[in-house]
Amino acid sequence: MDELDRKLISALRHDARASLSQLASVLGWSRATVRTRLAKLQASGEVLGFSVVLKSEQLRDPVRGLMMIGIEGRGTDRIIRQLNGMPEVRYLYTTNGRWDVIVEIGTETLERFDEVLFRVRRLEGVTASETSLLLSTRKSDQVRR
């Protein structure tokens, strides 16, 4: 991926629905160049696809937070399976450093958020956790309001 590809991706992040002609105009390229570059990014797997973000999905989780989790011994796979089964877990990441797993949790109320934290902390093998509420989104690939 070169600088031209990065500019194209940036333009698509700004407006993924922009037509090839609109992208060409914004970038100062020909329509054929935009089409060729985009096709190559898709063929190489750099661009996996395009998605729609629904307003209802954004409003679904007014309370969101990140929970960092420390896990004892070899229980990581089991705990990840359990976390994946929780409908409030939106994203799950394994990591290195102090925490073994980081999950993004989304709920409709603070009380429900607290219940989820309590449930996660009670999982066998969870030794420590630290949670931060997400207050606002300053940059995202998805639109959040």
C-alpha atoms as a PDB file:
ATOM      1  CA  MET A   1       0.000   0.000   0.000  1.00  0.00           C
ATOM      2  CA  ASP A   2       1.409   3.342  -1.004  1.00  0.00           C
ATOM      3  CA  GLU A   3       0.504   6.973  -0.329  1.00  0.00           C
ATOM      4  CA  LEU A   4      -2.127   7.042  -3.105  1.00  0.00           C
ATOM      5  CA  ASP A   5      -3.855   4.011  -1.600  1.00  0.00           C
ATOM      6  CA  ARG A   6      -3.838   5.671   1.835  1.00  0.00           C
ATOM      7  CA  LYS A   7      -5.425   8.799   0.343  1.00  0.00           C
ATOM      8  CA  LEU A   8      -8.131   6.696  -1.300  1.00  0.00           C
ATOM      9  CA  ILE A   9      -8.852   4.867   1.950  1.00  0.00           C
ATOM     10  CA  SER A  10      -8.997   8.168   3.799  1.00  0.00           C
ATOM     11  CA  ALA A  11     -11.521   9.503   1.294  1.00  0.00           C
ATOM     12  CA  LEU A  12     -13.589   6.323   1.643  1.00  0.00           C
ATOM     13  CA  ARG A  13     -13.538   6.601   5.421  1.00  0.00           C
ATOM     14  CA  HIS A  14     -14.911  10.111   5.052  1.00  0.00           C
ATOM     15  CA  ASP A  15     -17.682   8.930   2.706  1.00  0.00           C
ATOM     16  CA  ALA A  16     -17.804   5.226   1.826  1.00  0.00           C
ATOM     17  CA  ARG A  17     -20.823   5.870  -0.410  1.00  0.00           C
ATOM     18  CA  ALA A  18     -18.978   8.306  -2.669  1.00  0.00           C
ATOM     19  CA  SER A  19     -19.109   7.359  -6.346  1.00  0.00           C
ATOM     20  CA  LEU A  20     -15.954   6.709  -8.326  1.00  0.00           C
ATOM     21  CA  SER A  21     -16.465  10.074 -10.019  1.00  0.00           C
ATOM     22  CA  GLN A  22     -16.788  11.870  -6.673  1.00  0.00           C
ATOM     23  CA  LEU A  23     -13.669  10.145  -5.332  1.00  0.00           C
ATOM     24  CA  ALA A  24     -11.761  11.036  -8.499  1.00  0.00           C
ATOM     25  CA  SER A  25     -12.782  14.676  -8.134  1.00  0.00           C
ATOM     26  CA  VAL A  26     -11.812  14.841  -4.446  1.00  0.00           C
ATOM     27  CA  LEU A  27      -8.467  13.128  -5.034  1.00  0.00           C
ATOM     28  CA  GLY A  28      -7.632  14.854  -8.321  1.00  0.00           C
ATOM     29  CA  TRP A  29      -7.294  11.534 -10.149  1.00  0.00           C
ATOM     30  CA  SER A  30      -9.035   9.990 -13.125  1.00  0.00           C
ATOM     31  CA  ARG A  31     -12.080   7.800 -12.542  1.00  0.00           C
ATOM     32  CA  ALA A  32     -10.158   4.856 -14.075  1.00  0.00           C
ATOM     33  CA  THR A  33      -7.313   5.304 -11.553  1.00  0.00           C
ATOM     34  CA  VAL A  34      -9.749   5.274  -8.631  1.00  0.00           C
ATOM     35  CA  ARG A  35     -11.507   2.166  -9.993  1.00  0.00           C
ATOM     36  CA  THR A  36      -8.172   0.347 -10.561  1.00  0.00           C
ATOM     37  CA  ARG A  37      -6.764   1.282  -7.144  1.00  0.00           C
ATOM     38  CA  LEU A  38      -9.946   0.265  -5.336  1.00  0.00           C
ATOM     39  CA  ALA A  39     -10.115  -3.042  -7.231  1.00  0.00           C
ATOM     40  CA  LYS A  40      -6.487  -3.818  -6.283  1.00  0.00           C
ATOM     41  CA  LEU A  41      -7.133  -2.987  -2.611  1.00  0.00           C
ATOM     42  CA  GLN A  42     -10.122  -5.312  -2.601  1.00  0.00           C
ATOM     43  CA  ALA A  43      -8.302  -8.105  -4.475  1.00  0.00           C
ATOM     44  CA  SER A  44      -5.317  -7.943  -2.084  1.00  0.00           C
ATOM     45  CA  GLY A  45      -7.579  -8.126   0.941  1.00  0.00           C
ATOM     46  CA  GLU A  46      -6.626  -4.680   2.250  1.00  0.00           C
ATOM     47  CA  VAL A  47     -10.229  -3.538   1.810  1.00  0.00           C
ATOM     48  CA  LEU A  48     -12.455  -6.306   3.114  1.00  0.00           C
ATOM     49  CA  GLY A  49     -15.752  -4.648   2.363  1.00  0.00           C
ATOM     50  CA  PHE A  50     -18.117  -1.840   3.146  1.00  0.00           C
ATOM     51  CA  SER A  51     -20.733  -1.736   5.860  1.00  0.00           C
ATOM     52  CA  VAL A  52     -23.821   0.130   6.868  1.00  0.00           C
ATOM     53  CA  VAL A  53     -24.088   1.625  10.355  1.00  0.00           C
ATOM     54  CA  LEU A  54     -27.680   1.869  11.506  1.00  0.00           C
ATOM     55  CA  LYS A  55     -28.870   4.584  13.843  1.00  0.00           C
ATOM     56  CA  SER A  56     -30.566   1.931  15.991  1.00  0.00           C
ATOM     57  CA  GLU A  57     -27.220   0.171  16.472  1.00  0.00           C
ATOM     58  CA  GLN A  58     -25.608   3.380  17.673  1.00  0.00           C
ATOM     59  CA  LEU A  59     -28.429   4.118  20.087  1.00  0.00           C
ATOM     60  CA  ARG A  60     -28.443   0.541  21.381  1.00  0.00           C
ATOM     61  CA  ASP A  61     -25.431   1.042  23.668  1.00  0.00           C
ATOM     62  CA  PRO A  62     -25.591   4.368  25.470  1.00  0.00           C
ATOM     63  CA  VAL A  63     -23.300   2.877  28.154  1.00  0.00           C
ATOM     64  CA  ARG A  64     -20.037   1.509  26.803  1.00  0.00           C
ATOM     65  CA  GLY A  65     -16.749   0.659  28.405  1.00  0.00           C
ATOM     66  CA  LEU A  66     -13.499  -1.232  28.154  1.00  0.00           C
ATOM     67  CA  MET A  67     -12.758  -3.977  30.644  1.00  0.00           C
ATOM     68  CA  MET A  68      -9.176  -5.167  30.916  1.00  0.00           C
ATOM     69  CA  ILE A  69      -8.968  -8.693  32.336  1.00  0.00           C
ATOM     70  CA  GLY A  70      -6.135 -10.655  33.922  1.00  0.00           C
ATOM     71  CA  ILE A  71      -6.441 -14.436  33.644  1.00  0.00           C
ATOM     72  CA  GLU A  72      -4.794 -17.100  35.773  1.00  0.00           C
ATOM     73  CA  GLY A  73      -2.939 -20.004  34.189  1.00  0.00           C
ATOM     74  CA  ARG A  74      -4.264 -21.694  31.074  1.00  0.00           C
ATOM     75  CA  GLY A  75      -7.875 -20.594  31.311  1.00  0.00           C
ATOM     76  CA  THR A  76      -7.727 -18.008  28.545  1.00  0.00           C
ATOM     77  CA  ASP A  77      -9.443 -20.083  25.830  1.00  0.00           C
ATOM     78  CA  ARG A  78     -12.273 -21.091  28.170  1.00  0.00           C
ATOM     79  CA  ILE A  79     -12.807 -17.530  29.390  1.00  0.00           C
ATOM     80  CA  ILE A  80     -12.768 -16.182  25.820  1.00  0.00           C
ATOM     81  CA  ARG A  81     -15.492 -18.707  24.904  1.00  0.00           C
ATOM     82  CA  GLN A  82     -17.551 -17.583  27.899  1.00  0.00           C
ATOM     83  CA  LEU A  83     -17.081 -13.906  27.047  1.00  0.00           C
ATOM     84  CA  ASN A  84     -18.045 -14.551  23.416  1.00  0.00           C
ATOM     85  CA  GLY A  85     -21.307 -16.003  24.708  1.00  0.00           C
ATOM     86  CA  MET A  86     -22.259 -12.779  26.496  1.00  0.00           C
ATOM     87  CA  PRO A  87     -24.503 -10.615  24.301  1.00  0.00           C
ATOM     88  CA  GLU A  88     -23.184  -7.408  25.891  1.00  0.00           C
ATOM     89  CA  VAL A  89     -19.600  -8.080  24.724  1.00  0.00           C
ATOM     90  CA  ARG A  90     -19.189  -6.093  21.506  1.00  0.00           C
ATOM     91  CA  TYR A  91     -15.471  -6.649  20.844  1.00  0.00           C
ATOM     92  CA  LEU A  92     -12.906  -8.955  22.382  1.00  0.00           C
ATOM     93  CA  TYR A  93      -9.142  -8.597  22.010  1.00  0.00           C
ATOM     94  CA  THR A  94      -6.252 -10.664  23.293  1.00  0.00           C
ATOM     95  CA  THR A  95      -3.211  -8.627  24.180  1.00  0.00           C
ATOM     96  CA  ASN A  96       0.186  -8.720  25.820  1.00  0.00           C
ATOM     97  CA  GLY A  97       1.382  -6.785  28.809  1.00  0.00           C
ATOM     98  CA  ARG A  98      -0.424  -6.479  32.113  1.00  0.00           C
ATOM     99  CA  TRP A  99      -3.834  -7.582  30.788  1.00  0.00           C
ATOM    100  CA  ASP A 100      -4.586 -10.795  28.931  1.00  0.00           C
ATOM    101  CA  VAL A 101      -7.902  -9.798  27.387  1.00  0.00           C
ATOM    102  CA  ILE A 102      -9.672  -6.499  26.703  1.00  0.00           C
ATOM    103  CA  VAL A 103     -13.409  -6.450  26.013  1.00  0.00           C
ATOM    104  CA  GLU A 104     -15.687  -3.651  24.911  1.00  0.00           C
ATOM    105  CA  ILE A 105     -19.022  -3.936  26.677  1.00  0.00           C
ATOM    106  CA  GLY A 106     -22.186  -2.148  25.624  1.00  0.00           C
ATOM    107  CA  THR A 107     -25.447  -1.934  27.562  1.00  0.00           C
ATOM    108  CA  GLU A 108     -28.570   0.204  27.740  1.00  0.00           C
ATOM    109  CA  THR A 109     -28.130   1.211  31.379  1.00  0.00           C
ATOM    110  CA  LEU A 110     -25.366   1.704  33.919  1.00  0.00           C
ATOM    111  CA  GLU A 111     -27.031  -0.856  36.187  1.00  0.00           C
ATOM    112  CA  ARG A 112     -26.902  -3.480  33.417  1.00  0.00           C
ATOM    113  CA  PHE A 113     -23.264  -2.580  32.764  1.00  0.00           C
ATOM    114  CA  ASP A 114     -22.491  -3.194  36.439  1.00  0.00           C
ATOM    115  CA  GLU A 115     -24.229  -6.585  36.276  1.00  0.00           C
ATOM    116  CA  VAL A 116     -22.057  -7.603  33.320  1.00  0.00           C
ATOM    117  CA  LEU A 117     -18.884  -6.543  35.142  1.00  0.00           C
ATOM    118  CA  PHE A 118     -19.945  -8.582  38.167  1.00  0.00           C
ATOM    119  CA  ARG A 119     -20.616 -11.641  35.960  1.00  0.00           C
ATOM    120  CA  VAL A 120     -17.214 -11.352  34.242  1.00  0.00           C
ATOM    121  CA  ARG A 121     -15.357 -10.935  37.539  1.00  0.00           C
ATOM    122  CA  ARG A 122     -16.959 -14.147  38.824  1.00  0.00           C
ATOM    123  CA  LEU A 123     -15.682 -16.276  35.928  1.00  0.00           C
ATOM    124  CA  GLU A 124     -13.309 -18.925  37.201  1.00  0.00           C
ATOM    125  CA  GLY A 125      -9.745 -17.928  36.316  1.00  0.00           C
ATOM    126  CA  VAL A 126     -10.309 -14.164  36.222  1.00  0.00           C
ATOM    127  CA  THR A 127      -7.756 -12.800  38.673  1.00  0.00           C
ATOM    128  CA  ALA A 128      -8.021  -9.053  38.125  1.00  0.00           C
ATOM    129  CA  SER A 129      -9.854  -6.469  36.082  1.00  0.00           C
ATOM    130  CA  GLU A 130      -9.920  -2.765  35.434  1.00  0.00           C
ATOM    131  CA  THR A 131     -12.761  -0.990  33.687  1.00  0.00           C
ATOM    132  CA  SER A 132     -13.040   2.408  32.036  1.00  0.00           C
ATOM    133  CA  LEU A 133     -16.303   3.881  30.793  1.00  0.00           C
ATOM    134  CA  LEU A 134     -16.172   5.319  27.286  1.00  0.00           C
ATOM    135  CA  LEU A 135     -17.397   8.907  27.463  1.00  0.00           C
ATOM    136  CA  SER A 136     -17.305  10.055  23.832  1.00  0.00           C
ATOM    137  CA  THR A 137     -15.964   8.935  20.474  1.00  0.00           C
ATOM    138  CA  ARG A 138     -13.463  11.361  18.943  1.00  0.00           C
ATOM    139  CA  LYS A 139     -12.448   9.227  15.948  1.00  0.00           C
ATOM    140  CA  SER A 140     -13.977   6.079  14.545  1.00  0.00           C
ATOM    141  CA  ASP A 141     -14.340   4.148  11.324  1.00  0.00           C
ATOM    142  CA  GLN A 142     -18.050   4.049  12.169  1.00  0.00           C
ATOM    143  CA  VAL A 143     -20.343   6.980  12.813  1.00  0.00           C
ATOM    144  CA  ARG A 144     -21.222   7.375  16.494  1.00  0.00           C
ATOM    145  CA  ARG A 145     -23.431  10.064  17.929  1.00  0.00           C
END
